[in-house]
Amino acid sequence: MPSSANVSSPVSRKFAWLVGAIVAAGLLWTGGWYFFAAKIEEHLPSTLAQIVGPGATAECTNADVRGYPFRVGLFCEALSYANAAEGITTTAGAFRSAAQVYRPQHAVAEVDGPLVLDASGLILRADWQLLQASIQAVSDGLDRGSIDARNTSFDIDGTGLTQRLALQADRITAHARRNGADLDVAAYSENLRNTLFAGLNAKAFAFEATLSGKSDMLRVPFTPLHGPFAAVLHRVEIEFDATSSLELAGPVQVGADGRISGNLELTIGNVQRLSDLVAGFNPDSADLIRRFGPMIAALDTRPGDDATTLPLTISNSQVTLGIIPLGELPAF
């Protein structure tokens, strides 16, 4: 009769081989993960240089790759960007990102404020309670990306501005994606407050547009947006309250000089709100709107609803509503 030792010996050997294979696989995975992490840190400066392109610099202060064993993510104590040709410098707080090892092209990230942007003397300072981002990468850059910021504030000041502008919003989301050769962009905000137009705070704001031939903006190296280009504004809407809103839609063109032209439709949920808005930067035009309010209503191109829809013309950044001049837009 065979001994119990002889019977259990093959089982023990198989178990030992299994344990050994698991340990070896763990060691190989650990070594591979840390080797990959070291390569990311080693090539980070050249990768950032490739992303921002010639003439610009970007830095991830005290970069560290974390996430072992099943994630990989880049952590920075601070972020910075500079482009001397464009006159732009930007700094932001700590950066944290993560991607699953089996899906490295999809990453999520968090950035701490404040963000300070200096664009040729125009200073933007933004801060937030929480800012999260999500990106879908492809071989030559990004296919799409989104940002979600909570309890956000903006402060804009600098040379050329007659008044400092401050904005606050409970939430801001922004999205961009390639659509063939075009670029789809969208942004939304909730409970938007400002210091420029007293009493004209927005319950909600929406911006949806397609930039023709601008999908390259998501390709490496990333470049700032400049004219000339054409765009379609699908919806630019400010909702003041349940009964008052402004909505703009139509095609626009931006010239090489940054001036804007286009033939748009402006839908007004409350004409009085429009006059209040215009009064903030052109009181004379606001008086004209109030005076010709009945005539404006008669020009409604979509009669039969509660709103008033009017043609809005922009010619070399000069804005007119029908025959009423509204002022001049700043160059893009």
C-alpha atoms as a PDB file:
ATOM      1  CA  MET A   1       0.000   0.000   0.000  1.00  0.00           C
ATOM      2  CA  PRO A   2       1.541   3.414  -1.016  1.00  0.00           C
ATOM      3  CA  SER A   3       2.430   5.700   1.802  1.00  0.00           C
ATOM      4  CA  SER A   4       0.543   9.021   2.304  1.00  0.00           C
ATOM      5  CA  ALA A   5       3.804  10.829   1.723  1.00  0.00           C
ATOM      6  CA  ASN A   6       4.105   9.349  -1.788  1.00  0.00           C
ATOM      7  CA  VAL A   7       0.469  10.250  -2.606  1.00  0.00           C
ATOM      8  CA  SER A   8       0.713  13.848  -1.454  1.00  0.00           C
ATOM      9  CA  SER A   9       4.106  14.521  -2.998  1.00  0.00           C
ATOM     10  CA  PRO A  10       2.842  15.341  -6.572  1.00  0.00           C
ATOM     11  CA  VAL A  11       0.126  17.613  -5.114  1.00  0.00           C
ATOM     12  CA  SER A  12       2.653  19.410  -2.960  1.00  0.00           C
ATOM     13  CA  ARG A  13       4.949  19.913  -5.915  1.00  0.00           C
ATOM     14  CA  LYS A  14       2.102  21.384  -8.015  1.00  0.00           C
ATOM     15  CA  PHE A  15       1.158  23.715  -5.212  1.00  0.00           C
ATOM     16  CA  ALA A  16       4.772  24.772  -4.806  1.00  0.00           C
ATOM     17  CA  TRP A  17       5.036  25.448  -8.557  1.00  0.00           C
ATOM     18  CA  LEU A  18       1.829  27.522  -8.425  1.00  0.00           C
ATOM     19  CA  VAL A  19       3.083  29.586  -5.495  1.00  0.00           C
ATOM     20  CA  GLY A  20       6.415  30.059  -7.222  1.00  0.00           C
ATOM     21  CA  ALA A  21       4.709  31.189 -10.447  1.00  0.00           C
ATOM     22  CA  ILE A  22       2.568  33.685  -8.540  1.00  0.00           C
ATOM     23  CA  VAL A  23       5.589  35.078  -6.731  1.00  0.00           C
ATOM     24  CA  ALA A  24       7.585  35.294  -9.978  1.00  0.00           C
ATOM     25  CA  ALA A  25       4.703  37.013 -11.755  1.00  0.00           C
ATOM     26  CA  GLY A  26       4.388  39.474  -8.868  1.00  0.00           C
ATOM     27  CA  LEU A  27       8.079  40.241  -8.989  1.00  0.00           C
ATOM     28  CA  LEU A  28       7.989  40.712 -12.772  1.00  0.00           C
ATOM     29  CA  TRP A  29       4.904  42.964 -12.501  1.00  0.00           C
ATOM     30  CA  THR A  30       6.526  45.018  -9.738  1.00  0.00           C
ATOM     31  CA  GLY A  31       9.776  45.378 -11.634  1.00  0.00           C
ATOM     32  CA  GLY A  32       7.956  46.255 -14.847  1.00  0.00           C
ATOM     33  CA  TRP A  33       5.732  48.829 -13.132  1.00  0.00           C
ATOM     34  CA  TYR A  34       8.626  50.651 -11.469  1.00  0.00           C
ATOM     35  CA  PHE A  35      10.700  50.484 -14.651  1.00  0.00           C
ATOM     36  CA  PHE A  36       7.811  52.053 -16.592  1.00  0.00           C
ATOM     37  CA  ALA A  37       7.323  54.699 -13.864  1.00  0.00           C
ATOM     38  CA  ALA A  38      11.023  55.582 -13.972  1.00  0.00           C
ATOM     39  CA  LYS A  39      10.859  55.975 -17.749  1.00  0.00           C
ATOM     40  CA  ILE A  40       7.881  58.337 -17.439  1.00  0.00           C
ATOM     41  CA  GLU A  41       9.781  60.541 -14.989  1.00  0.00           C
ATOM     42  CA  GLU A  42      12.936  60.386 -17.133  1.00  0.00           C
ATOM     43  CA  HIS A  43      11.184  61.416 -20.344  1.00  0.00           C
ATOM     44  CA  LEU A  44       8.746  63.911 -18.777  1.00  0.00           C
ATOM     45  CA  PRO A  45      10.745  67.071 -19.718  1.00  0.00           C
ATOM     46  CA  SER A  46      10.983  66.018 -23.378  1.00  0.00           C
ATOM     47  CA  THR A  47       7.322  64.954 -23.395  1.00  0.00           C
ATOM     48  CA  LEU A  48       6.225  68.346 -22.053  1.00  0.00           C
ATOM     49  CA  ALA A  49       8.421  70.091 -24.634  1.00  0.00           C
ATOM     50  CA  GLN A  50       6.747  68.063 -27.376  1.00  0.00           C
ATOM     51  CA  ILE A  51       3.273  68.890 -26.057  1.00  0.00           C
ATOM     52  CA  VAL A  52       3.759  72.684 -25.831  1.00  0.00           C
ATOM     53  CA  GLY A  53       5.833  72.953 -29.003  1.00  0.00           C
ATOM     54  CA  PRO A  54       8.764  75.223 -29.881  1.00  0.00           C
ATOM     55  CA  GLY A  55       8.930  78.624 -28.233  1.00  0.00           C
ATOM     56  CA  ALA A  56       7.046  77.505 -25.131  1.00  0.00           C
ATOM     57  CA  THR A  57       8.012  75.771 -21.888  1.00  0.00           C
ATOM     58  CA  ALA A  58       6.073  73.760 -19.318  1.00  0.00           C
ATOM     59  CA  GLU A  59       7.148  72.367 -15.961  1.00  0.00           C
ATOM     60  CA  CYS A  60       5.803  69.821 -13.515  1.00  0.00           C
ATOM     61  CA  THR A  61       7.556  70.643 -10.232  1.00  0.00           C
ATOM     62  CA  ASN A  62       8.887  67.634  -8.270  1.00  0.00           C
ATOM     63  CA  ALA A  63       7.258  65.111 -10.599  1.00  0.00           C
ATOM     64  CA  ASP A  64       6.444  61.711  -9.119  1.00  0.00           C
ATOM     65  CA  VAL A  65       4.738  58.691 -10.699  1.00  0.00           C
ATOM     66  CA  ARG A  66       2.438  56.747  -8.338  1.00  0.00           C
ATOM     67  CA  GLY A  67      -0.392  54.225  -8.412  1.00  0.00           C
ATOM     68  CA  TYR A  68       1.268  50.821  -7.948  1.00  0.00           C
ATOM     69  CA  PRO A  69       0.082  48.124  -8.478  1.00  0.00           C
ATOM     70  CA  PHE A  70      -2.851  48.597 -10.886  1.00  0.00           C
ATOM     71  CA  ARG A  71      -2.785  52.320 -11.676  1.00  0.00           C
ATOM     72  CA  VAL A  72      -0.264  54.773 -13.011  1.00  0.00           C
ATOM     73  CA  GLY A  73      -0.473  58.504 -12.416  1.00  0.00           C
ATOM     74  CA  LEU A  74       1.672  61.633 -12.521  1.00  0.00           C
ATOM     75  CA  PHE A  75       1.800  63.890  -9.450  1.00  0.00           C
ATOM     76  CA  CYS A  76       3.275  67.416  -9.424  1.00  0.00           C
ATOM     77  CA  GLU A  77       3.624  69.938  -6.625  1.00  0.00           C
ATOM     78  CA  ALA A  78       2.904  72.776  -9.093  1.00  0.00           C
ATOM     79  CA  LEU A  79       2.377  73.431 -12.800  1.00  0.00           C
ATOM     80  CA  SER A  80       3.705  76.248 -14.975  1.00  0.00           C
ATOM     81  CA  TYR A  81       3.613  77.273 -18.640  1.00  0.00           C
ATOM     82  CA  ALA A  82       5.259  80.102 -20.555  1.00  0.00           C
ATOM     83  CA  ASN A  83       5.099  81.203 -24.186  1.00  0.00           C
ATOM     84  CA  ALA A  84       7.262  84.240 -24.876  1.00  0.00           C
ATOM     85  CA  ALA A  85       6.015  84.693 -28.443  1.00  0.00           C
ATOM     86  CA  GLU A  86       2.395  84.890 -27.262  1.00  0.00           C
ATOM     87  CA  GLY A  87       3.280  86.869 -24.126  1.00  0.00           C
ATOM     88  CA  ILE A  88       1.640  84.235 -21.901  1.00  0.00           C
ATOM     89  CA  THR A  89       2.708  82.858 -18.531  1.00  0.00           C
ATOM     90  CA  THR A  90       0.573  80.561 -16.387  1.00  0.00           C
ATOM     91  CA  THR A  91       0.989  78.919 -12.990  1.00  0.00           C
ATOM     92  CA  ALA A  92      -1.284  76.541 -11.079  1.00  0.00           C
ATOM     93  CA  GLY A  93      -1.210  74.448  -7.932  1.00  0.00           C
ATOM     94  CA  ALA A  94      -0.657  70.748  -7.357  1.00  0.00           C
ATOM     95  CA  PHE A  95      -1.594  68.221 -10.046  1.00  0.00           C
ATOM     96  CA  ARG A  96      -2.705  64.611  -9.524  1.00  0.00           C
ATOM     97  CA  SER A  97      -3.629  62.114 -12.228  1.00  0.00           C
ATOM     98  CA  ALA A  98      -4.473  58.427 -12.530  1.00  0.00           C
ATOM     99  CA  ALA A  99      -5.120  55.866 -15.271  1.00  0.00           C
ATOM    100  CA  GLN A 100      -5.731  52.147 -15.102  1.00  0.00           C
ATOM    101  CA  VAL A 101      -2.741  50.119 -16.279  1.00  0.00           C
ATOM    102  CA  TYR A 102      -4.967  48.204 -18.704  1.00  0.00           C
ATOM    103  CA  ARG A 103      -6.433  51.475 -20.091  1.00  0.00           C
ATOM    104  CA  PRO A 104      -3.679  54.114 -20.006  1.00  0.00           C
ATOM    105  CA  GLN A 105      -5.262  56.241 -22.757  1.00  0.00           C
ATOM    106  CA  HIS A 106      -8.105  57.282 -20.434  1.00  0.00           C
ATOM    107  CA  ALA A 107      -6.888  59.435 -17.538  1.00  0.00           C
ATOM    108  CA  VAL A 108      -8.540  61.476 -14.824  1.00  0.00           C
ATOM    109  CA  ALA A 109      -6.871  64.328 -12.947  1.00  0.00           C
ATOM    110  CA  GLU A 110      -7.304  66.954 -10.257  1.00  0.00           C
ATOM    111  CA  VAL A 111      -5.652  70.388 -10.160  1.00  0.00           C
ATOM    112  CA  ASP A 112      -5.391  72.671  -7.139  1.00  0.00           C
ATOM    113  CA  GLY A 113      -5.827  76.417  -7.453  1.00  0.00           C
ATOM    114  CA  PRO A 114      -5.138  79.159  -7.807  1.00  0.00           C
ATOM    115  CA  LEU A 115      -4.398  79.493 -11.501  1.00  0.00           C
ATOM    116  CA  VAL A 116      -2.760  82.777 -12.511  1.00  0.00           C
ATOM    117  CA  LEU A 117      -2.617  83.691 -16.199  1.00  0.00           C
ATOM    118  CA  ASP A 118      -0.708  86.735 -17.459  1.00  0.00           C
ATOM    119  CA  ALA A 119      -1.447  87.421 -21.134  1.00  0.00           C
ATOM    120  CA  SER A 120       0.465  90.562 -22.180  1.00  0.00           C
ATOM    121  CA  GLY A 121      -0.613  92.508 -19.111  1.00  0.00           C
ATOM    122  CA  LEU A 122      -4.119  91.067 -18.805  1.00  0.00           C
ATOM    123  CA  ILE A 123      -4.183  89.167 -15.522  1.00  0.00           C
ATOM    124  CA  LEU A 124      -6.636  86.349 -14.859  1.00  0.00           C
ATOM    125  CA  ARG A 125      -6.723  84.717 -11.430  1.00  0.00           C
ATOM    126  CA  ALA A 126      -8.978  81.688 -11.002  1.00  0.00           C
ATOM    127  CA  ASP A 127      -9.583  79.551  -7.946  1.00  0.00           C
ATOM    128  CA  TRP A 128     -11.929  76.707  -7.088  1.00  0.00           C
ATOM    129  CA  GLN A 129     -12.921  74.283  -4.391  1.00  0.00           C
ATOM    130  CA  LEU A 130     -12.495  71.257  -6.682  1.00  0.00           C
ATOM    131  CA  LEU A 131     -11.382  70.917 -10.293  1.00  0.00           C
ATOM    132  CA  GLN A 132     -11.427  67.538 -12.022  1.00  0.00           C
ATOM    133  CA  ALA A 133     -10.537  66.651 -15.603  1.00  0.00           C
ATOM    134  CA  SER A 134     -10.961  63.631 -17.828  1.00  0.00           C
ATOM    135  CA  ILE A 135      -9.131  63.019 -21.119  1.00  0.00           C
ATOM    136  CA  GLN A 136      -9.162  60.387 -23.842  1.00  0.00           C
ATOM    137  CA  ALA A 137      -5.732  60.264 -25.490  1.00  0.00           C
ATOM    138  CA  VAL A 138      -4.837  59.022 -28.965  1.00  0.00           C
ATOM    139  CA  SER A 139      -1.484  58.601 -30.692  1.00  0.00           C
ATOM    140  CA  ASP A 140      -1.194  62.250 -31.810  1.00  0.00           C
ATOM    141  CA  GLY A 141      -2.798  64.042 -28.866  1.00  0.00           C
ATOM    142  CA  LEU A 142      -6.299  64.073 -27.412  1.00  0.00           C
ATOM    143  CA  ASP A 143      -9.519  62.801 -28.902  1.00  0.00           C
ATOM    144  CA  ARG A 144     -11.645  64.546 -26.260  1.00  0.00           C
ATOM    145  CA  GLY A 145     -11.450  66.103 -22.828  1.00  0.00           C
ATOM    146  CA  SER A 146     -13.692  67.501 -20.095  1.00  0.00           C
ATOM    147  CA  ILE A 147     -13.290  69.757 -17.035  1.00  0.00           C
ATOM    148  CA  ASP A 148     -15.617  70.023 -14.044  1.00  0.00           C
ATOM    149  CA  ALA A 149     -14.993  72.826 -11.508  1.00  0.00           C
ATOM    150  CA  ARG A 150     -16.986  73.522  -8.331  1.00  0.00           C
ATOM    151  CA  ASN A 151     -17.308  76.828  -6.442  1.00  0.00           C
ATOM    152  CA  THR A 152     -15.169  78.714  -8.925  1.00  0.00           C
ATOM    153  CA  SER A 153     -14.103  82.368  -8.892  1.00  0.00           C
ATOM    154  CA  PHE A 154     -12.415  84.493 -11.560  1.00  0.00           C
ATOM    155  CA  ASP A 155     -10.755  87.873 -11.179  1.00  0.00           C
ATOM    156  CA  ILE A 156      -9.739  89.700 -14.379  1.00  0.00           C
ATOM    157  CA  ASP A 157      -7.712  92.906 -14.370  1.00  0.00           C
ATOM    158  CA  GLY A 158      -4.907  94.573 -16.245  1.00  0.00           C
ATOM    159  CA  THR A 159      -3.923  97.235 -18.740  1.00  0.00           C
ATOM    160  CA  GLY A 160      -6.658  98.225 -21.153  1.00  0.00           C
ATOM    161  CA  LEU A 161      -9.506  97.435 -18.773  1.00  0.00           C
ATOM    162  CA  THR A 162     -11.437 100.324 -17.302  1.00  0.00           C
ATOM    163  CA  GLN A 163     -12.957  98.123 -14.593  1.00  0.00           C
ATOM    164  CA  ARG A 164     -11.901  94.960 -12.837  1.00  0.00           C
ATOM    165  CA  LEU A 165     -14.195  92.026 -13.564  1.00  0.00           C
ATOM    166  CA  ALA A 166     -14.965  89.387 -10.950  1.00  0.00           C
ATOM    167  CA  LEU A 167     -17.043  86.279 -11.615  1.00  0.00           C
ATOM    168  CA  GLN A 168     -18.205  83.444  -9.390  1.00  0.00           C
ATOM    169  CA  ALA A 169     -20.054  80.261 -10.288  1.00  0.00           C
ATOM    170  CA  ASP A 170     -21.317  77.299  -8.311  1.00  0.00           C
ATOM    171  CA  ARG A 171     -20.234  74.953 -11.081  1.00  0.00           C
ATOM    172  CA  ILE A 172     -18.519  75.204 -14.474  1.00  0.00           C
ATOM    173  CA  THR A 173     -18.086  72.351 -16.945  1.00  0.00           C
ATOM    174  CA  ALA A 174     -16.248  72.496 -20.266  1.00  0.00           C
ATOM    175  CA  HIS A 175     -15.845  69.918 -23.038  1.00  0.00           C
ATOM    176  CA  ALA A 176     -13.924  69.584 -26.302  1.00  0.00           C
ATOM    177  CA  ARG A 177     -13.796  66.791 -28.863  1.00  0.00           C
ATOM    178  CA  ARG A 178     -12.614  66.153 -32.383  1.00  0.00           C
ATOM    179  CA  ASN A 179     -15.367  65.939 -34.998  1.00  0.00           C
ATOM    180  CA  GLY A 180     -13.532  64.979 -38.155  1.00  0.00           C
ATOM    181  CA  ALA A 181     -11.516  68.058 -39.127  1.00  0.00           C
ATOM    182  CA  ASP A 182     -13.632  70.265 -36.863  1.00  0.00           C
ATOM    183  CA  LEU A 183     -13.586  70.879 -33.132  1.00  0.00           C
ATOM    184  CA  ASP A 184     -16.726  70.752 -30.999  1.00  0.00           C
ATOM    185  CA  VAL A 185     -16.593  72.819 -27.800  1.00  0.00           C
ATOM    186  CA  ALA A 186     -19.127  73.384 -25.044  1.00  0.00           C
ATOM    187  CA  ALA A 187     -19.216  75.096 -21.661  1.00  0.00           C
ATOM    188  CA  TYR A 188     -21.896  75.396 -19.002  1.00  0.00           C
ATOM    189  CA  SER A 189     -22.172  77.211 -15.682  1.00  0.00           C
ATOM    190  CA  GLU A 190     -24.625  77.320 -12.795  1.00  0.00           C
ATOM    191  CA  ASN A 191     -25.482  80.386 -10.712  1.00  0.00           C
ATOM    192  CA  LEU A 192     -23.070  82.810 -12.370  1.00  0.00           C
ATOM    193  CA  ARG A 193     -22.489  86.126 -10.541  1.00  0.00           C
ATOM    194  CA  ASN A 194     -20.519  89.136 -11.763  1.00  0.00           C
ATOM    195  CA  THR A 195     -19.403  92.616 -10.742  1.00  0.00           C
ATOM    196  CA  LEU A 196     -19.605  94.199 -14.205  1.00  0.00           C
ATOM    197  CA  PHE A 197     -23.370  94.256 -14.793  1.00  0.00           C
ATOM    198  CA  ALA A 198     -25.154  94.909 -11.497  1.00  0.00           C
ATOM    199  CA  GLY A 199     -28.277  92.822 -11.031  1.00  0.00           C
ATOM    200  CA  LEU A 200     -27.662  90.730 -14.166  1.00  0.00           C
ATOM    201  CA  ASN A 201     -26.560  87.498 -12.570  1.00  0.00           C
ATOM    202  CA  ALA A 202     -27.296  84.310 -14.479  1.00  0.00           C
ATOM    203  CA  LYS A 203     -29.096  81.267 -13.187  1.00  0.00           C
ATOM    204  CA  ALA A 204     -27.446  79.276 -15.987  1.00  0.00           C
ATOM    205  CA  PHE A 205     -25.125  79.854 -18.939  1.00  0.00           C
ATOM    206  CA  ALA A 206     -24.545  77.579 -21.947  1.00  0.00           C
ATOM    207  CA  PHE A 207     -22.102  77.789 -24.852  1.00  0.00           C
ATOM    208  CA  GLU A 208     -22.060  75.232 -27.683  1.00  0.00           C
ATOM    209  CA  ALA A 209     -20.072  75.724 -30.895  1.00  0.00           C
ATOM    210  CA  THR A 210     -18.188  74.001 -33.688  1.00  0.00           C
ATOM    211  CA  LEU A 211     -14.879  75.483 -34.909  1.00  0.00           C
ATOM    212  CA  SER A 212     -14.316  74.594 -38.558  1.00  0.00           C
ATOM    213  CA  GLY A 213     -10.991  72.917 -39.335  1.00  0.00           C
ATOM    214  CA  LYS A 214      -9.701  73.326 -35.777  1.00  0.00           C
ATOM    215  CA  SER A 215      -9.416  69.702 -34.608  1.00  0.00           C
ATOM    216  CA  ASP A 216      -5.637  70.288 -34.723  1.00  0.00           C
ATOM    217  CA  MET A 217      -6.009  72.180 -31.455  1.00  0.00           C
ATOM    218  CA  LEU A 218      -6.191  68.774 -29.728  1.00  0.00           C
ATOM    219  CA  ARG A 219      -3.124  67.481 -31.553  1.00  0.00           C
ATOM    220  CA  VAL A 220       0.432  67.636 -30.213  1.00  0.00           C
ATOM    221  CA  PRO A 221       1.885  70.226 -30.013  1.00  0.00           C
ATOM    222  CA  PHE A 222      -1.098  72.119 -28.623  1.00  0.00           C
ATOM    223  CA  THR A 223      -1.372  75.657 -29.995  1.00  0.00           C
ATOM    224  CA  PRO A 224      -3.444  78.726 -28.988  1.00  0.00           C
ATOM    225  CA  LEU A 225      -6.519  79.611 -31.049  1.00  0.00           C
ATOM    226  CA  HIS A 226      -5.936  82.324 -33.648  1.00  0.00           C
ATOM    227  CA  GLY A 227      -7.810  83.630 -36.684  1.00  0.00           C
ATOM    228  CA  PRO A 228      -8.729  83.324 -39.386  1.00  0.00           C
ATOM    229  CA  PHE A 229     -11.339  80.655 -38.810  1.00  0.00           C
ATOM    230  CA  ALA A 230     -15.076  80.114 -39.087  1.00  0.00           C
ATOM    231  CA  ALA A 231     -17.395  78.771 -36.420  1.00  0.00           C
ATOM    232  CA  VAL A 232     -21.031  77.927 -35.872  1.00  0.00           C
ATOM    233  CA  LEU A 233     -22.583  79.025 -32.589  1.00  0.00           C
ATOM    234  CA  HIS A 234     -25.174  76.331 -31.946  1.00  0.00           C
ATOM    235  CA  ARG A 235     -26.299  77.916 -28.694  1.00  0.00           C
ATOM    236  CA  VAL A 236     -25.058  80.743 -26.506  1.00  0.00           C
ATOM    237  CA  GLU A 237     -27.684  81.194 -23.809  1.00  0.00           C
ATOM    238  CA  ILE A 238     -27.922  83.211 -20.610  1.00  0.00           C
ATOM    239  CA  GLU A 239     -30.855  82.278 -18.390  1.00  0.00           C
ATOM    240  CA  PHE A 240     -31.499  85.023 -15.857  1.00  0.00           C
ATOM    241  CA  ASP A 241     -34.574  83.480 -14.245  1.00  0.00           C
ATOM    242  CA  ALA A 242     -37.620  81.404 -15.179  1.00  0.00           C
ATOM    243  CA  THR A 243     -38.973  84.068 -17.586  1.00  0.00           C
ATOM    244  CA  SER A 244     -35.906  86.010 -18.781  1.00  0.00           C
ATOM    245  CA  SER A 245     -33.180  84.760 -21.110  1.00  0.00           C
ATOM    246  CA  LEU A 246     -30.998  85.648 -24.078  1.00  0.00           C
ATOM    247  CA  GLU A 247     -30.002  83.095 -26.720  1.00  0.00           C
ATOM    248  CA  LEU A 248     -27.647  83.618 -29.663  1.00  0.00           C
ATOM    249  CA  ALA A 249     -27.070  81.270 -32.617  1.00  0.00           C
ATOM    250  CA  GLY A 250     -25.586  81.355 -36.097  1.00  0.00           C
ATOM    251  CA  PRO A 251     -22.338  81.396 -38.094  1.00  0.00           C
ATOM    252  CA  VAL A 252     -19.420  83.708 -37.319  1.00  0.00           C
ATOM    253  CA  GLN A 253     -16.015  84.384 -38.829  1.00  0.00           C
ATOM    254  CA  VAL A 254     -12.878  85.548 -37.042  1.00  0.00           C
ATOM    255  CA  GLY A 255     -10.324  87.346 -39.206  1.00  0.00           C
ATOM    256  CA  ALA A 256      -6.558  87.251 -38.973  1.00  0.00           C
ATOM    257  CA  ASP A 257      -6.760  90.559 -37.098  1.00  0.00           C
ATOM    258  CA  GLY A 258      -9.085  89.020 -34.483  1.00  0.00           C
ATOM    259  CA  ARG A 259     -12.141  90.975 -35.617  1.00  0.00           C
ATOM    260  CA  ILE A 260     -15.457  89.119 -35.657  1.00  0.00           C
ATOM    261  CA  SER A 261     -18.201  89.121 -38.289  1.00  0.00           C
ATOM    262  CA  GLY A 262     -21.414  87.154 -38.531  1.00  0.00           C
ATOM    263  CA  ASN A 263     -25.150  87.084 -39.109  1.00  0.00           C
ATOM    264  CA  LEU A 264     -26.839  85.715 -36.003  1.00  0.00           C
ATOM    265  CA  GLU A 265     -30.239  85.318 -34.447  1.00  0.00           C
ATOM    266  CA  LEU A 266     -30.836  86.766 -30.996  1.00  0.00           C
ATOM    267  CA  THR A 267     -33.784  85.338 -29.080  1.00  0.00           C
ATOM    268  CA  ILE A 268     -34.888  87.523 -26.174  1.00  0.00           C
ATOM    269  CA  GLY A 269     -36.986  86.071 -23.390  1.00  0.00           C
ATOM    270  CA  ASN A 270     -37.550  89.540 -21.935  1.00  0.00           C
ATOM    271  CA  VAL A 271     -36.720  92.730 -23.895  1.00  0.00           C
ATOM    272  CA  GLN A 272     -36.287  94.711 -20.682  1.00  0.00           C
ATOM    273  CA  ARG A 273     -33.454  92.366 -19.691  1.00  0.00           C
ATOM    274  CA  LEU A 274     -31.670  93.104 -22.971  1.00  0.00           C
ATOM    275  CA  SER A 275     -31.838  96.849 -22.377  1.00  0.00           C
ATOM    276  CA  ASP A 276     -30.488  96.327 -18.849  1.00  0.00           C
ATOM    277  CA  LEU A 277     -27.609  94.279 -20.218  1.00  0.00           C
ATOM    278  CA  VAL A 278     -26.710  96.752 -22.954  1.00  0.00           C
ATOM    279  CA  ALA A 279     -26.920  99.647 -20.472  1.00  0.00           C
ATOM    280  CA  GLY A 280     -23.889  98.204 -18.685  1.00  0.00           C
ATOM    281  CA  PHE A 281     -21.588  99.115 -21.600  1.00  0.00           C
ATOM    282  CA  ASN A 282     -23.607 101.389 -23.930  1.00  0.00           C
ATOM    283  CA  PRO A 283     -26.350 103.461 -22.202  1.00  0.00           C
ATOM    284  CA  ASP A 284     -27.306 105.282 -25.412  1.00  0.00           C
ATOM    285  CA  SER A 285     -28.083 102.005 -27.203  1.00  0.00           C
ATOM    286  CA  ALA A 286     -30.052 100.822 -24.169  1.00  0.00           C
ATOM    287  CA  ASP A 287     -32.201 103.982 -24.389  1.00  0.00           C
ATOM    288  CA  LEU A 288     -32.864 103.226 -28.059  1.00  0.00           C
ATOM    289  CA  ILE A 289     -33.975  99.684 -27.204  1.00  0.00           C
ATOM    290  CA  ARG A 290     -36.367 100.974 -24.561  1.00  0.00           C
ATOM    291  CA  ARG A 291     -37.714 103.668 -26.876  1.00  0.00           C
ATOM    292  CA  PHE A 292     -38.231 101.346 -29.834  1.00  0.00           C
ATOM    293  CA  GLY A 293     -39.349  98.355 -27.791  1.00  0.00           C
ATOM    294  CA  PRO A 294     -42.721  98.000 -29.603  1.00  0.00           C
ATOM    295  CA  MET A 295     -41.014  98.243 -32.991  1.00  0.00           C
ATOM    296  CA  ILE A 296     -38.453  95.628 -31.935  1.00  0.00           C
ATOM    297  CA  ALA A 297     -41.295  93.282 -31.006  1.00  0.00           C
ATOM    298  CA  ALA A 298     -42.834  93.890 -34.454  1.00  0.00           C
ATOM    299  CA  LEU A 299     -39.588  92.726 -36.115  1.00  0.00           C
ATOM    300  CA  ASP A 300     -39.853  89.306 -34.468  1.00  0.00           C
ATOM    301  CA  THR A 301     -38.821  86.720 -37.075  1.00  0.00           C
ATOM    302  CA  ARG A 302     -40.530  83.922 -35.155  1.00  0.00           C
ATOM    303  CA  PRO A 303     -43.892  85.257 -34.035  1.00  0.00           C
ATOM    304  CA  GLY A 304     -46.243  83.081 -32.047  1.00  0.00           C
ATOM    305  CA  ASP A 305     -44.024  82.212 -29.072  1.00  0.00           C
ATOM    306  CA  ASP A 306     -43.276  84.023 -25.830  1.00  0.00           C
ATOM    307  CA  ALA A 307     -39.830  85.198 -26.978  1.00  0.00           C
ATOM    308  CA  THR A 308     -38.682  87.804 -29.499  1.00  0.00           C
ATOM    309  CA  THR A 309     -36.196  86.678 -32.179  1.00  0.00           C
ATOM    310  CA  LEU A 310     -34.237  89.368 -34.012  1.00  0.00           C
ATOM    311  CA  PRO A 311     -31.343  89.503 -36.484  1.00  0.00           C
ATOM    312  CA  LEU A 312     -28.031  90.464 -34.870  1.00  0.00           C
ATOM    313  CA  THR A 313     -25.301  91.557 -37.272  1.00  0.00           C
ATOM    314  CA  ILE A 314     -21.592  91.746 -36.464  1.00  0.00           C
ATOM    315  CA  SER A 315     -19.371  93.464 -39.036  1.00  0.00           C
ATOM    316  CA  ASN A 316     -15.687  93.830 -38.167  1.00  0.00           C
ATOM    317  CA  SER A 317     -16.663  93.582 -34.479  1.00  0.00           C
ATOM    318  CA  GLN A 318     -19.327  96.316 -34.805  1.00  0.00           C
ATOM    319  CA  VAL A 319     -22.613  94.955 -33.411  1.00  0.00           C
ATOM    320  CA  THR A 320     -26.061  96.068 -34.543  1.00  0.00           C
ATOM    321  CA  LEU A 321     -29.509  94.780 -33.605  1.00  0.00           C
ATOM    322  CA  GLY A 322     -31.613  95.523 -36.658  1.00  0.00           C
ATOM    323  CA  ILE A 323     -30.923  99.249 -37.116  1.00  0.00           C
ATOM    324  CA  ILE A 324     -29.833  99.816 -33.494  1.00  0.00           C
ATOM    325  CA  PRO A 325     -26.052  99.949 -32.903  1.00  0.00           C
ATOM    326  CA  LEU A 326     -24.988  98.099 -29.757  1.00  0.00           C
ATOM    327  CA  GLY A 327     -21.264  98.850 -29.707  1.00  0.00           C
ATOM    328  CA  GLU A 328     -17.972  97.191 -30.585  1.00  0.00           C
ATOM    329  CA  LEU A 329     -16.636  93.818 -29.510  1.00  0.00           C
ATOM    330  CA  PRO A 330     -12.999  93.482 -28.426  1.00  0.00           C
ATOM    331  CA  ALA A 331     -10.695  91.716 -30.866  1.00  0.00           C
ATOM    332  CA  PHE A 332     -10.535  87.952 -30.398  1.00  0.00           C
END
